[in-house]
Amino acid sequence: MPTSSISRKVLIQKFHSLGFEGPISGGKHQFMKKDALKVRIPNPHSSGEIHISLLKEILHQAGISWDEWSAA
């Protein structure tokens, strides 16, 4: 488990390896899509790093366990 943060690029790469498409533009935020599930991802113009607490929230919304995330 990362201790503090990961890059947006790594987040997108891992979502791709888990079968998600995107990022797709949608209003103020971009999102990743898998079937009918849409998961918002942080704005690319933010600091560039995603804090571990936000990553956990994103994974929860996507229904991805930490083990699945780590294996991707």
PDB file of N, CA and C in Angstrom:
ATOM      1  N   MET A   1       0.837  -1.172   0.000  1.00  0.00           N
ATOM      2  CA  MET A   1       0.000   0.000   0.000  1.00  0.00           C
ATOM      3  C   MET A   1       0.884   1.238   0.000  1.00  0.00           C
ATOM      4  N   PRO A   2       0.589   2.193  -0.890  1.00  0.00           N
ATOM      5  CA  PRO A   2       1.368   3.434  -0.852  1.00  0.00           C
ATOM      6  C   PRO A   2       1.165   4.127   0.492  1.00  0.00           C
ATOM      7  N   THR A   3       2.163   4.812   0.939  1.00  0.00           N
ATOM      8  CA  THR A   3       2.076   5.419   2.259  1.00  0.00           C
ATOM      9  C   THR A   3       1.416   6.787   2.254  1.00  0.00           C
ATOM     10  N   SER A   4       1.557   7.567   1.177  1.00  0.00           N
ATOM     11  CA  SER A   4       0.982   8.911   1.219  1.00  0.00           C
ATOM     12  C   SER A   4       0.201   9.283  -0.034  1.00  0.00           C
ATOM     13  N   SER A   5       0.724   8.985  -1.228  1.00  0.00           N
ATOM     14  CA  SER A   5       0.032   9.401  -2.445  1.00  0.00           C
ATOM     15  C   SER A   5       0.529   8.620  -3.658  1.00  0.00           C
ATOM     16  N   ILE A   6      -0.265   8.706  -4.744  1.00  0.00           N
ATOM     17  CA  ILE A   6       0.141   8.139  -6.029  1.00  0.00           C
ATOM     18  C   ILE A   6      -0.119   9.198  -7.098  1.00  0.00           C
ATOM     19  N   SER A   7       0.463   9.019  -8.256  1.00  0.00           N
ATOM     20  CA  SER A   7       0.239   9.980  -9.330  1.00  0.00           C
ATOM     21  C   SER A   7      -1.062   9.662 -10.063  1.00  0.00           C
ATOM     22  N   ARG A   8      -1.628  10.663 -10.704  1.00  0.00           N
ATOM     23  CA  ARG A   8      -2.849  10.483 -11.493  1.00  0.00           C
ATOM     24  C   ARG A   8      -2.593   9.501 -12.633  1.00  0.00           C
ATOM     25  N   LYS A   9      -1.403   9.558 -13.206  1.00  0.00           N
ATOM     26  CA  LYS A   9      -1.033   8.656 -14.301  1.00  0.00           C
ATOM     27  C   LYS A   9      -1.104   7.191 -13.859  1.00  0.00           C
ATOM     28  N   VAL A  10      -0.589   6.891 -12.677  1.00  0.00           N
ATOM     29  CA  VAL A  10      -0.633   5.526 -12.147  1.00  0.00           C
ATOM     30  C   VAL A  10      -2.074   5.116 -11.890  1.00  0.00           C
ATOM     31  N   LEU A  11      -2.888   6.022 -11.350  1.00  0.00           N
ATOM     32  CA  LEU A  11      -4.303   5.743 -11.112  1.00  0.00           C
ATOM     33  C   LEU A  11      -4.981   5.311 -12.411  1.00  0.00           C
ATOM     34  N   ILE A  12      -4.774   6.053 -13.475  1.00  0.00           N
ATOM     35  CA  ILE A  12      -5.395   5.752 -14.768  1.00  0.00           C
ATOM     36  C   ILE A  12      -4.876   4.433 -15.323  1.00  0.00           C
ATOM     37  N   GLN A  13      -3.573   4.187 -15.230  1.00  0.00           N
ATOM     38  CA  GLN A  13      -3.005   2.926 -15.722  1.00  0.00           C
ATOM     39  C   GLN A  13      -3.608   1.726 -15.001  1.00  0.00           C
ATOM     40  N   LYS A  14      -3.745   1.834 -13.692  1.00  0.00           N
ATOM     41  CA  LYS A  14      -4.308   0.727 -12.920  1.00  0.00           C
ATOM     42  C   LYS A  14      -5.774   0.509 -13.268  1.00  0.00           C
ATOM     43  N   PHE A  15      -6.537   1.584 -13.433  1.00  0.00           N
ATOM     44  CA  PHE A  15      -7.938   1.440 -13.828  1.00  0.00           C
ATOM     45  C   PHE A  15      -8.046   0.776 -15.202  1.00  0.00           C
ATOM     46  N   HIS A  16      -7.161   1.125 -16.124  1.00  0.00           N
ATOM     47  CA  HIS A  16      -7.159   0.461 -17.431  1.00  0.00           C
ATOM     48  C   HIS A  16      -6.907  -1.037 -17.268  1.00  0.00           C
ATOM     49  N   SER A  17      -5.959  -1.402 -16.428  1.00  0.00           N
ATOM     50  CA  SER A  17      -5.653  -2.815 -16.240  1.00  0.00           C
ATOM     51  C   SER A  17      -6.803  -3.564 -15.561  1.00  0.00           C
ATOM     52  N   LEU A  18      -7.689  -2.835 -14.898  1.00  0.00           N
ATOM     53  CA  LEU A  18      -8.866  -3.437 -14.264  1.00  0.00           C
ATOM     54  C   LEU A  18     -10.091  -3.412 -15.186  1.00  0.00           C
ATOM     55  N   GLY A  19      -9.901  -3.002 -16.445  1.00  0.00           N
ATOM     56  CA  GLY A  19     -10.974  -3.055 -17.428  1.00  0.00           C
ATOM     57  C   GLY A  19     -11.778  -1.781 -17.606  1.00  0.00           C
ATOM     58  N   PHE A  20     -11.326  -0.682 -17.056  1.00  0.00           N
ATOM     59  CA  PHE A  20     -12.032   0.587 -17.203  1.00  0.00           C
ATOM     60  C   PHE A  20     -11.569   1.316 -18.461  1.00  0.00           C
ATOM     61  N   GLU A  21     -12.463   2.130 -19.033  1.00  0.00           N
ATOM     62  CA  GLU A  21     -12.155   2.981 -20.176  1.00  0.00           C
ATOM     63  C   GLU A  21     -12.023   4.414 -19.687  1.00  0.00           C
ATOM     64  N   GLY A  22     -11.271   5.200 -20.411  1.00  0.00           N
ATOM     65  CA  GLY A  22     -11.194   6.619 -20.075  1.00  0.00           C
ATOM     66  C   GLY A  22      -9.766   7.084 -19.919  1.00  0.00           C
ATOM     67  N   PRO A  23      -9.579   8.252 -19.415  1.00  0.00           N
ATOM     68  CA  PRO A  23     -10.568   9.131 -18.820  1.00  0.00           C
ATOM     69  C   PRO A  23     -11.456   9.804 -19.867  1.00  0.00           C
ATOM     70  N   ILE A  24     -12.717   9.997 -19.488  1.00  0.00           N
ATOM     71  CA  ILE A  24     -13.721  10.603 -20.340  1.00  0.00           C
ATOM     72  C   ILE A  24     -14.136  11.920 -19.694  1.00  0.00           C
ATOM     73  N   SER A  25     -14.226  12.978 -20.499  1.00  0.00           N
ATOM     74  CA  SER A  25     -14.618  14.281 -19.969  1.00  0.00           C
ATOM     75  C   SER A  25     -16.098  14.279 -19.636  1.00  0.00           C
ATOM     76  N   GLY A  26     -16.421  14.954 -18.556  1.00  0.00           N
ATOM     77  CA  GLY A  26     -17.809  15.048 -18.142  1.00  0.00           C
ATOM     78  C   GLY A  26     -18.007  16.181 -17.158  1.00  0.00           C
ATOM     79  N   GLY A  27     -18.265  17.364 -17.638  1.00  0.00           N
ATOM     80  CA  GLY A  27     -18.475  18.503 -16.743  1.00  0.00           C
ATOM     81  C   GLY A  27     -17.185  18.948 -16.089  1.00  0.00           C
ATOM     82  N   LYS A  28     -17.212  19.060 -14.762  1.00  0.00           N
ATOM     83  CA  LYS A  28     -16.045  19.546 -14.028  1.00  0.00           C
ATOM     84  C   LYS A  28     -15.002  18.471 -13.786  1.00  0.00           C
ATOM     85  N   HIS A  29     -15.413  17.197 -13.860  1.00  0.00           N
ATOM     86  CA  HIS A  29     -14.494  16.105 -13.583  1.00  0.00           C
ATOM     87  C   HIS A  29     -14.459  15.123 -14.737  1.00  0.00           C
ATOM     88  N   GLN A  30     -13.339  14.442 -14.868  1.00  0.00           N
ATOM     89  CA  GLN A  30     -13.257  13.336 -15.796  1.00  0.00           C
ATOM     90  C   GLN A  30     -13.658  12.083 -15.048  1.00  0.00           C
ATOM     91  N   PHE A  31     -13.992  11.027 -15.792  1.00  0.00           N
ATOM     92  CA  PHE A  31     -14.362   9.791 -15.140  1.00  0.00           C
ATOM     93  C   PHE A  31     -13.832   8.609 -15.924  1.00  0.00           C
ATOM     94  N   MET A  32     -13.793   7.470 -15.248  1.00  0.00           N
ATOM     95  CA  MET A  32     -13.427   6.194 -15.848  1.00  0.00           C
ATOM     96  C   MET A  32     -14.711   5.379 -15.879  1.00  0.00           C
ATOM     97  N   LYS A  33     -14.876   4.563 -16.924  1.00  0.00           N
ATOM     98  CA  LYS A  33     -16.125   3.844 -17.112  1.00  0.00           C
ATOM     99  C   LYS A  33     -15.862   2.360 -17.347  1.00  0.00           C
ATOM    100  N   LYS A  34     -16.693   1.520 -16.721  1.00  0.00           N
ATOM    101  CA  LYS A  34     -16.666   0.077 -16.938  1.00  0.00           C
ATOM    102  C   LYS A  34     -18.116  -0.375 -16.926  1.00  0.00           C
ATOM    103  N   ASP A  35     -18.598  -0.820 -18.078  1.00  0.00           N
ATOM    104  CA  ASP A  35     -20.010  -1.165 -18.234  1.00  0.00           C
ATOM    105  C   ASP A  35     -20.854   0.053 -17.842  1.00  0.00           C
ATOM    106  N   ALA A  36     -21.776  -0.102 -16.885  1.00  0.00           N
ATOM    107  CA  ALA A  36     -22.638   1.018 -16.472  1.00  0.00           C
ATOM    108  C   ALA A  36     -22.043   1.829 -15.326  1.00  0.00           C
ATOM    109  N   LEU A  37     -20.916   1.407 -14.796  1.00  0.00           N
ATOM    110  CA  LEU A  37     -20.282   2.073 -13.655  1.00  0.00           C
ATOM    111  C   LEU A  37     -19.407   3.227 -14.121  1.00  0.00           C
ATOM    112  N   LYS A  38     -19.612   4.403 -13.524  1.00  0.00           N
ATOM    113  CA  LYS A  38     -18.772   5.568 -13.788  1.00  0.00           C
ATOM    114  C   LYS A  38     -18.134   6.001 -12.478  1.00  0.00           C
ATOM    115  N   VAL A  39     -16.824   6.208 -12.505  1.00  0.00           N
ATOM    116  CA  VAL A  39     -16.090   6.622 -11.309  1.00  0.00           C
ATOM    117  C   VAL A  39     -15.355   7.918 -11.628  1.00  0.00           C
ATOM    118  N   ARG A  40     -15.684   8.972 -10.878  1.00  0.00           N
ATOM    119  CA  ARG A  40     -15.005  10.256 -11.087  1.00  0.00           C
ATOM    120  C   ARG A  40     -13.556  10.158 -10.619  1.00  0.00           C
ATOM    121  N   ILE A  41     -12.684  10.789 -11.378  1.00  0.00           N
ATOM    122  CA  ILE A  41     -11.277  10.841 -10.985  1.00  0.00           C
ATOM    123  C   ILE A  41     -10.865  12.299 -10.825  1.00  0.00           C
ATOM    124  N   PRO A  42      -9.837  12.552 -10.054  1.00  0.00           N
ATOM    125  CA  PRO A  42      -9.420  13.936  -9.786  1.00  0.00           C
ATOM    126  C   PRO A  42      -9.039  14.693 -11.052  1.00  0.00           C
ATOM    127  N   ASN A  43      -9.250  15.981 -10.978  1.00  0.00           N
ATOM    128  CA  ASN A  43      -8.950  16.900 -12.063  1.00  0.00           C
ATOM    129  C   ASN A  43      -7.461  16.856 -12.405  1.00  0.00           C
ATOM    130  N   PRO A  44      -7.119  16.824 -13.700  1.00  0.00           N
ATOM    131  CA  PRO A  44      -5.699  16.781 -14.079  1.00  0.00           C
ATOM    132  C   PRO A  44      -4.946  18.068 -13.761  1.00  0.00           C
ATOM    133  N   HIS A  45      -5.669  19.131 -13.442  1.00  0.00           N
ATOM    134  CA  HIS A  45      -5.014  20.406 -13.166  1.00  0.00           C
ATOM    135  C   HIS A  45      -4.728  20.606 -11.684  1.00  0.00           C
ATOM    136  N   SER A  46      -5.073  19.606 -10.881  1.00  0.00           N
ATOM    137  CA  SER A  46      -4.777  19.712  -9.454  1.00  0.00           C
ATOM    138  C   SER A  46      -3.292  19.428  -9.222  1.00  0.00           C
ATOM    139  N   SER A  47      -2.916  19.157  -8.017  1.00  0.00           N
ATOM    140  CA  SER A  47      -1.503  19.025  -7.658  1.00  0.00           C
ATOM    141  C   SER A  47      -0.780  17.879  -8.380  1.00  0.00           C
ATOM    142  N   GLY A  48      -1.547  16.934  -8.959  1.00  0.00           N
ATOM    143  CA  GLY A  48      -0.909  15.836  -9.668  1.00  0.00           C
ATOM    144  C   GLY A  48      -0.762  14.588  -8.837  1.00  0.00           C
ATOM    145  N   GLU A  49      -0.792  14.713  -7.531  1.00  0.00           N
ATOM    146  CA  GLU A  49      -0.691  13.573  -6.631  1.00  0.00           C
ATOM    147  C   GLU A  49      -2.044  13.335  -5.973  1.00  0.00           C
ATOM    148  N   ILE A  50      -2.397  12.061  -5.813  1.00  0.00           N
ATOM    149  CA  ILE A  50      -3.662  11.686  -5.200  1.00  0.00           C
ATOM    150  C   ILE A  50      -3.361  11.073  -3.837  1.00  0.00           C
ATOM    151  N   HIS A  51      -3.868  11.699  -2.800  1.00  0.00           N
ATOM    152  CA  HIS A  51      -3.624  11.239  -1.438  1.00  0.00           C
ATOM    153  C   HIS A  51      -4.269   9.873  -1.228  1.00  0.00           C
ATOM    154  N   ILE A  52      -3.682   9.066  -0.378  1.00  0.00           N
ATOM    155  CA  ILE A  52      -4.138   7.700  -0.141  1.00  0.00           C
ATOM    156  C   ILE A  52      -5.588   7.660   0.334  1.00  0.00           C
ATOM    157  N   SER A  53      -6.028   8.643   1.119  1.00  0.00           N
ATOM    158  CA  SER A  53      -7.416   8.653   1.598  1.00  0.00           C
ATOM    159  C   SER A  53      -8.393   8.844   0.447  1.00  0.00           C
ATOM    160  N   LEU A  54      -8.041   9.700  -0.524  1.00  0.00           N
ATOM    161  CA  LEU A  54      -8.886   9.889  -1.705  1.00  0.00           C
ATOM    162  C   LEU A  54      -8.858   8.638  -2.574  1.00  0.00           C
ATOM    163  N   LEU A  55      -7.713   7.999  -2.707  1.00  0.00           N
ATOM    164  CA  LEU A  55      -7.611   6.759  -3.472  1.00  0.00           C
ATOM    165  C   LEU A  55      -8.539   5.698  -2.883  1.00  0.00           C
ATOM    166  N   LYS A  56      -8.547   5.555  -1.574  1.00  0.00           N
ATOM    167  CA  LYS A  56      -9.415   4.570  -0.921  1.00  0.00           C
ATOM    168  C   LYS A  56     -10.885   4.870  -1.203  1.00  0.00           C
ATOM    169  N   GLU A  57     -11.258   6.146  -1.200  1.00  0.00           N
ATOM    170  CA  GLU A  57     -12.641   6.536  -1.489  1.00  0.00           C
ATOM    171  C   GLU A  57     -13.012   6.210  -2.937  1.00  0.00           C
ATOM    172  N   ILE A  58     -12.101   6.477  -3.861  1.00  0.00           N
ATOM    173  CA  ILE A  58     -12.332   6.173  -5.279  1.00  0.00           C
ATOM    174  C   ILE A  58     -12.491   4.669  -5.473  1.00  0.00           C
ATOM    175  N   LEU A  59     -11.639   3.887  -4.839  1.00  0.00           N
ATOM    176  CA  LEU A  59     -11.726   2.427  -4.954  1.00  0.00           C
ATOM    177  C   LEU A  59     -13.029   1.906  -4.368  1.00  0.00           C
ATOM    178  N   HIS A  60     -13.461   2.477  -3.266  1.00  0.00           N
ATOM    179  CA  HIS A  60     -14.726   2.070  -2.654  1.00  0.00           C
ATOM    180  C   HIS A  60     -15.886   2.335  -3.617  1.00  0.00           C
ATOM    181  N   GLN A  61     -15.903   3.512  -4.244  1.00  0.00           N
ATOM    182  CA  GLN A  61     -16.956   3.856  -5.194  1.00  0.00           C
ATOM    183  C   GLN A  61     -16.945   2.923  -6.396  1.00  0.00           C
ATOM    184  N   ALA A  62     -15.768   2.459  -6.780  1.00  0.00           N
ATOM    185  CA  ALA A  62     -15.632   1.572  -7.941  1.00  0.00           C
ATOM    186  C   ALA A  62     -15.869   0.111  -7.585  1.00  0.00           C
ATOM    187  N   GLY A  63     -15.965  -0.195  -6.284  1.00  0.00           N
ATOM    188  CA  GLY A  63     -16.149  -1.580  -5.863  1.00  0.00           C
ATOM    189  C   GLY A  63     -14.907  -2.428  -6.048  1.00  0.00           C
ATOM    190  N   ILE A  64     -13.745  -1.798  -5.926  1.00  0.00           N
ATOM    191  CA  ILE A  64     -12.462  -2.476  -6.110  1.00  0.00           C
ATOM    192  C   ILE A  64     -11.822  -2.682  -4.741  1.00  0.00           C
ATOM    193  N   SER A  65     -11.477  -3.916  -4.440  1.00  0.00           N
ATOM    194  CA  SER A  65     -10.816  -4.193  -3.159  1.00  0.00           C
ATOM    195  C   SER A  65      -9.340  -3.789  -3.248  1.00  0.00           C
ATOM    196  N   TRP A  66      -8.737  -3.647  -2.069  1.00  0.00           N
ATOM    197  CA  TRP A  66      -7.321  -3.281  -2.045  1.00  0.00           C
ATOM    198  C   TRP A  66      -6.465  -4.381  -2.678  1.00  0.00           C
ATOM    199  N   ASP A  67      -6.863  -5.634  -2.489  1.00  0.00           N
ATOM    200  CA  ASP A  67      -6.123  -6.753  -3.080  1.00  0.00           C
ATOM    201  C   ASP A  67      -6.179  -6.712  -4.609  1.00  0.00           C
ATOM    202  N   GLU A  68      -7.381  -6.424  -5.159  1.00  0.00           N
ATOM    203  CA  GLU A  68      -7.515  -6.292  -6.616  1.00  0.00           C
ATOM    204  C   GLU A  68      -6.635  -5.158  -7.125  1.00  0.00           C
ATOM    205  N   TRP A  69      -6.664  -4.027  -6.410  1.00  0.00           N
ATOM    206  CA  TRP A  69      -5.880  -2.853  -6.806  1.00  0.00           C
ATOM    207  C   TRP A  69      -4.396  -3.166  -6.800  1.00  0.00           C
ATOM    208  N   SER A  70      -3.948  -3.836  -5.767  1.00  0.00           N
ATOM    209  CA  SER A  70      -2.530  -4.167  -5.633  1.00  0.00           C
ATOM    210  C   SER A  70      -2.062  -5.143  -6.717  1.00  0.00           C
ATOM    211  N   ALA A  71      -2.957  -6.043  -7.129  1.00  0.00           N
ATOM    212  CA  ALA A  71      -2.602  -7.036  -8.141  1.00  0.00           C
ATOM    213  C   ALA A  71      -2.630  -6.475  -9.555  1.00  0.00           C
ATOM    214  N   ALA A  72      -3.291  -5.345  -9.741  1.00  0.00           N
ATOM    215  CA  ALA A  72      -3.423  -4.757 -11.103  1.00  0.00           C
ATOM    216  C   ALA A  72      -2.123  -4.167 -11.588  1.00  0.00           C
TER     217      ALA A  72
END
